[in-house]
C-alpha atoms as a PDB file:
ATOM      1  CA  UNK A   1      26.908  20.826   0.386  1.00  0.00           C
ATOM      2  CA  UNK A   2      27.269  22.288   3.843  1.00  0.00           C
ATOM      3  CA  UNK A   3      25.621  20.422   6.665  1.00  0.00           C
ATOM      4  CA  UNK A   4      24.563  21.327  10.173  1.00  0.00           C
ATOM      5  CA  UNK A   5      24.188  19.010  13.126  1.00  0.00           C
ATOM      6  CA  UNK A   6      20.656  18.528  14.468  1.00  0.00           C
ATOM      7  CA  UNK A   7      20.323  16.870  17.853  1.00  0.00           C
ATOM      8  CA  UNK A   8      16.966  15.518  18.990  1.00  0.00           C
ATOM      9  CA  UNK A   9      15.945  13.280  21.839  1.00  0.00           C
ATOM     10  CA  UNK A  10      13.836  10.351  20.714  1.00  0.00           C
ATOM     11  CA  UNK A  11      12.791   6.946  21.999  1.00  0.00           C
ATOM     12  CA  UNK A  12      15.463   4.415  20.930  1.00  0.00           C
ATOM     13  CA  UNK A  13      12.770   2.028  19.640  1.00  0.00           C
ATOM     14  CA  UNK A  14      11.337   4.752  17.421  1.00  0.00           C
ATOM     15  CA  UNK A  15      14.790   5.561  16.098  1.00  0.00           C
ATOM     16  CA  UNK A  16      15.508   1.884  15.300  1.00  0.00           C
ATOM     17  CA  UNK A  17      12.188   1.445  13.529  1.00  0.00           C
ATOM     18  CA  UNK A  18      12.563   4.697  11.573  1.00  0.00           C
ATOM     19  CA  UNK A  19      16.113   3.745  10.620  1.00  0.00           C
ATOM     20  CA  UNK A  20      14.915   0.358   9.348  1.00  0.00           C
ATOM     21  CA  UNK A  21      12.154   1.932   7.240  1.00  0.00           C
ATOM     22  CA  UNK A  22      14.500   4.566   5.815  1.00  0.00           C
ATOM     23  CA  UNK A  23      17.057   1.886   4.989  1.00  0.00           C
ATOM     24  CA  UNK A  24      14.359  -0.214   3.280  1.00  0.00           C
ATOM     25  CA  UNK A  25      13.581   2.840   1.143  1.00  0.00           C
ATOM     26  CA  UNK A  26      17.267   3.168   0.266  1.00  0.00           C
ATOM     27  CA  UNK A  27      18.065   6.277   2.279  1.00  0.00           C
ATOM     28  CA  UNK A  28      19.712   7.228   5.521  1.00  0.00           C
ATOM     29  CA  UNK A  29      17.768   8.460   8.509  1.00  0.00           C
ATOM     30  CA  UNK A  30      19.465  11.853   8.059  1.00  0.00           C
ATOM     31  CA  UNK A  31      18.249  12.019   4.463  1.00  0.00           C
ATOM     32  CA  UNK A  32      14.720  11.143   5.580  1.00  0.00           C
ATOM     33  CA  UNK A  33      14.736  13.902   8.203  1.00  0.00           C
ATOM     34  CA  UNK A  34      16.113  16.366   5.651  1.00  0.00           C
ATOM     35  CA  UNK A  35      13.394  15.446   3.133  1.00  0.00           C
ATOM     36  CA  UNK A  36      10.698  15.890   5.770  1.00  0.00           C
ATOM     37  CA  UNK A  37      12.081  19.244   6.910  1.00  0.00           C
ATOM     38  CA  UNK A  38      12.246  20.494   3.316  1.00  0.00           C
ATOM     39  CA  UNK A  39       8.645  19.394   2.782  1.00  0.00           C
ATOM     40  CA  UNK A  40       7.686  21.272   5.962  1.00  0.00           C
ATOM     41  CA  UNK A  41       9.434  24.401   4.688  1.00  0.00           C
ATOM     42  CA  UNK A  42       7.872  24.133   1.229  1.00  0.00           C
ATOM     43  CA  UNK A  43       4.279  23.450   2.327  1.00  0.00           C
ATOM     44  CA  UNK A  44       4.271  24.989   5.793  1.00  0.00           C
ATOM     45  CA  UNK A  45       2.204  21.999   6.916  1.00  0.00           C
ATOM     46  CA  UNK A  46       2.748  19.050   9.210  1.00  0.00           C
ATOM     47  CA  UNK A  47       1.172  15.705   8.467  1.00  0.00           C
ATOM     48  CA  UNK A  48       0.747  13.463  11.485  1.00  0.00           C
ATOM     49  CA  UNK A  49      -1.475  10.605  12.473  1.00  0.00           C
ATOM     50  CA  UNK A  50      -2.047   9.484  16.019  1.00  0.00           C
ATOM     51  CA  UNK A  51      -3.601   6.180  15.082  1.00  0.00           C
ATOM     52  CA  UNK A  52      -2.448   3.242  13.063  1.00  0.00           C
ATOM     53  CA  UNK A  53      -4.322   2.406   9.907  1.00  0.00           C
ATOM     54  CA  UNK A  54      -6.549  -0.545  10.618  1.00  0.00           C
ATOM     55  CA  UNK A  55      -8.948  -2.236   8.231  1.00  0.00           C
ATOM     56  CA  UNK A  56     -12.615  -1.596   8.903  1.00  0.00           C
ATOM     57  CA  UNK A  57     -14.943  -4.480   9.773  1.00  0.00           C
ATOM     58  CA  UNK A  58     -16.494  -4.052   6.312  1.00  0.00           C
ATOM     59  CA  UNK A  59     -13.105  -4.475   4.628  1.00  0.00           C
ATOM     60  CA  UNK A  60     -12.255  -7.515   6.769  1.00  0.00           C
ATOM     61  CA  UNK A  61     -15.572  -9.115   5.786  1.00  0.00           C
ATOM     62  CA  UNK A  62     -14.969  -8.349   2.105  1.00  0.00           C
ATOM     63  CA  UNK A  63     -11.474  -9.850   2.269  1.00  0.00           C
ATOM     64  CA  UNK A  64     -12.842 -13.052   3.833  1.00  0.00           C
ATOM     65  CA  UNK A  65     -15.521 -13.297   1.138  1.00  0.00           C
ATOM     66  CA  UNK A  66     -12.909 -12.713  -1.548  1.00  0.00           C
ATOM     67  CA  UNK A  67     -10.650 -15.432  -0.138  1.00  0.00           C
ATOM     68  CA  UNK A  68     -13.618 -17.829  -0.094  1.00  0.00           C
ATOM     69  CA  UNK A  69     -14.367 -16.988  -3.751  1.00  0.00           C
ATOM     70  CA  UNK A  70     -10.761 -17.710  -4.725  1.00  0.00           C
ATOM     71  CA  UNK A  71     -10.755 -20.982  -2.800  1.00  0.00           C
ATOM     72  CA  UNK A  72     -14.052 -22.047  -4.418  1.00  0.00           C
ATOM     73  CA  UNK A  73     -12.729 -21.304  -7.911  1.00  0.00           C
ATOM     74  CA  UNK A  74     -15.068 -18.398  -8.581  1.00  0.00           C
ATOM     75  CA  UNK A  75     -12.232 -16.009  -9.443  1.00  0.00           C
ATOM     76  CA  UNK A  76     -10.645 -15.915 -12.890  1.00  0.00           C
ATOM     77  CA  UNK A  77      -7.476 -14.150 -13.919  1.00  0.00           C
ATOM     78  CA  UNK A  78      -6.016 -13.528 -17.334  1.00  0.00           C
ATOM     79  CA  UNK A  79      -2.569 -12.701 -18.681  1.00  0.00           C
ATOM     80  CA  UNK A  80      -3.961 -10.305 -21.268  1.00  0.00           C
ATOM     81  CA  UNK A  81      -7.133  -8.638 -22.498  1.00  0.00           C
ATOM     82  CA  UNK A  82      -7.505 -10.992 -25.463  1.00  0.00           C
ATOM     83  CA  UNK A  83      -7.802 -14.018 -23.180  1.00  0.00           C
ATOM     84  CA  UNK A  84     -10.312 -12.185 -20.990  1.00  0.00           C
ATOM     85  CA  UNK A  85     -12.456 -11.262 -23.996  1.00  0.00           C
ATOM     86  CA  UNK A  86     -12.374 -14.855 -25.264  1.00  0.00           C
ATOM     87  CA  UNK A  87     -13.503 -16.092 -21.848  1.00  0.00           C
ATOM     88  CA  UNK A  88     -16.291 -13.497 -21.668  1.00  0.00           C
ATOM     89  CA  UNK A  89     -17.436 -14.375 -25.186  1.00  0.00           C
ATOM     90  CA  UNK A  90     -17.589 -18.069 -24.311  1.00  0.00           C
ATOM     91  CA  UNK A  91     -19.624 -17.269 -21.178  1.00  0.00           C
ATOM     92  CA  UNK A  92     -22.008 -15.111 -23.195  1.00  0.00           C
ATOM     93  CA  UNK A  93     -22.590 -17.988 -25.641  1.00  0.00           C
ATOM     94  CA  UNK A  94     -23.298 -20.436 -22.814  1.00  0.00           C
ATOM     95  CA  UNK A  95     -25.836 -18.014 -21.272  1.00  0.00           C
ATOM     96  CA  UNK A  96     -27.448 -17.336 -24.647  1.00  0.00           C
ATOM     97  CA  UNK A  97     -27.976 -21.026 -25.385  1.00  0.00           C
ATOM     98  CA  UNK A  98     -29.443 -21.605 -21.901  1.00  0.00           C
ATOM     99  CA  UNK A  99     -32.323 -19.182 -22.473  1.00  0.00           C
END
């Protein structure tokens, strides 16, 4: 495969962070740039975000409530569907006998 040299000026911090992310994904920074340029060519679109994703106040509240439920023992988990069905069946029986 023939290659061409692309020179761009970029903030060194941005380059270090991008390099770290690319490396974590198992690719070089050059490969990442190549993938993005090919996507740009294929779709003729640019995807960019000027803000960081931040959880909404609603989500933060829900996460706190969920953590409280886990801590209070109100959350159940199962290794398989059979165990979940058995647990649900036992709960149904206890509600049926209470009425």
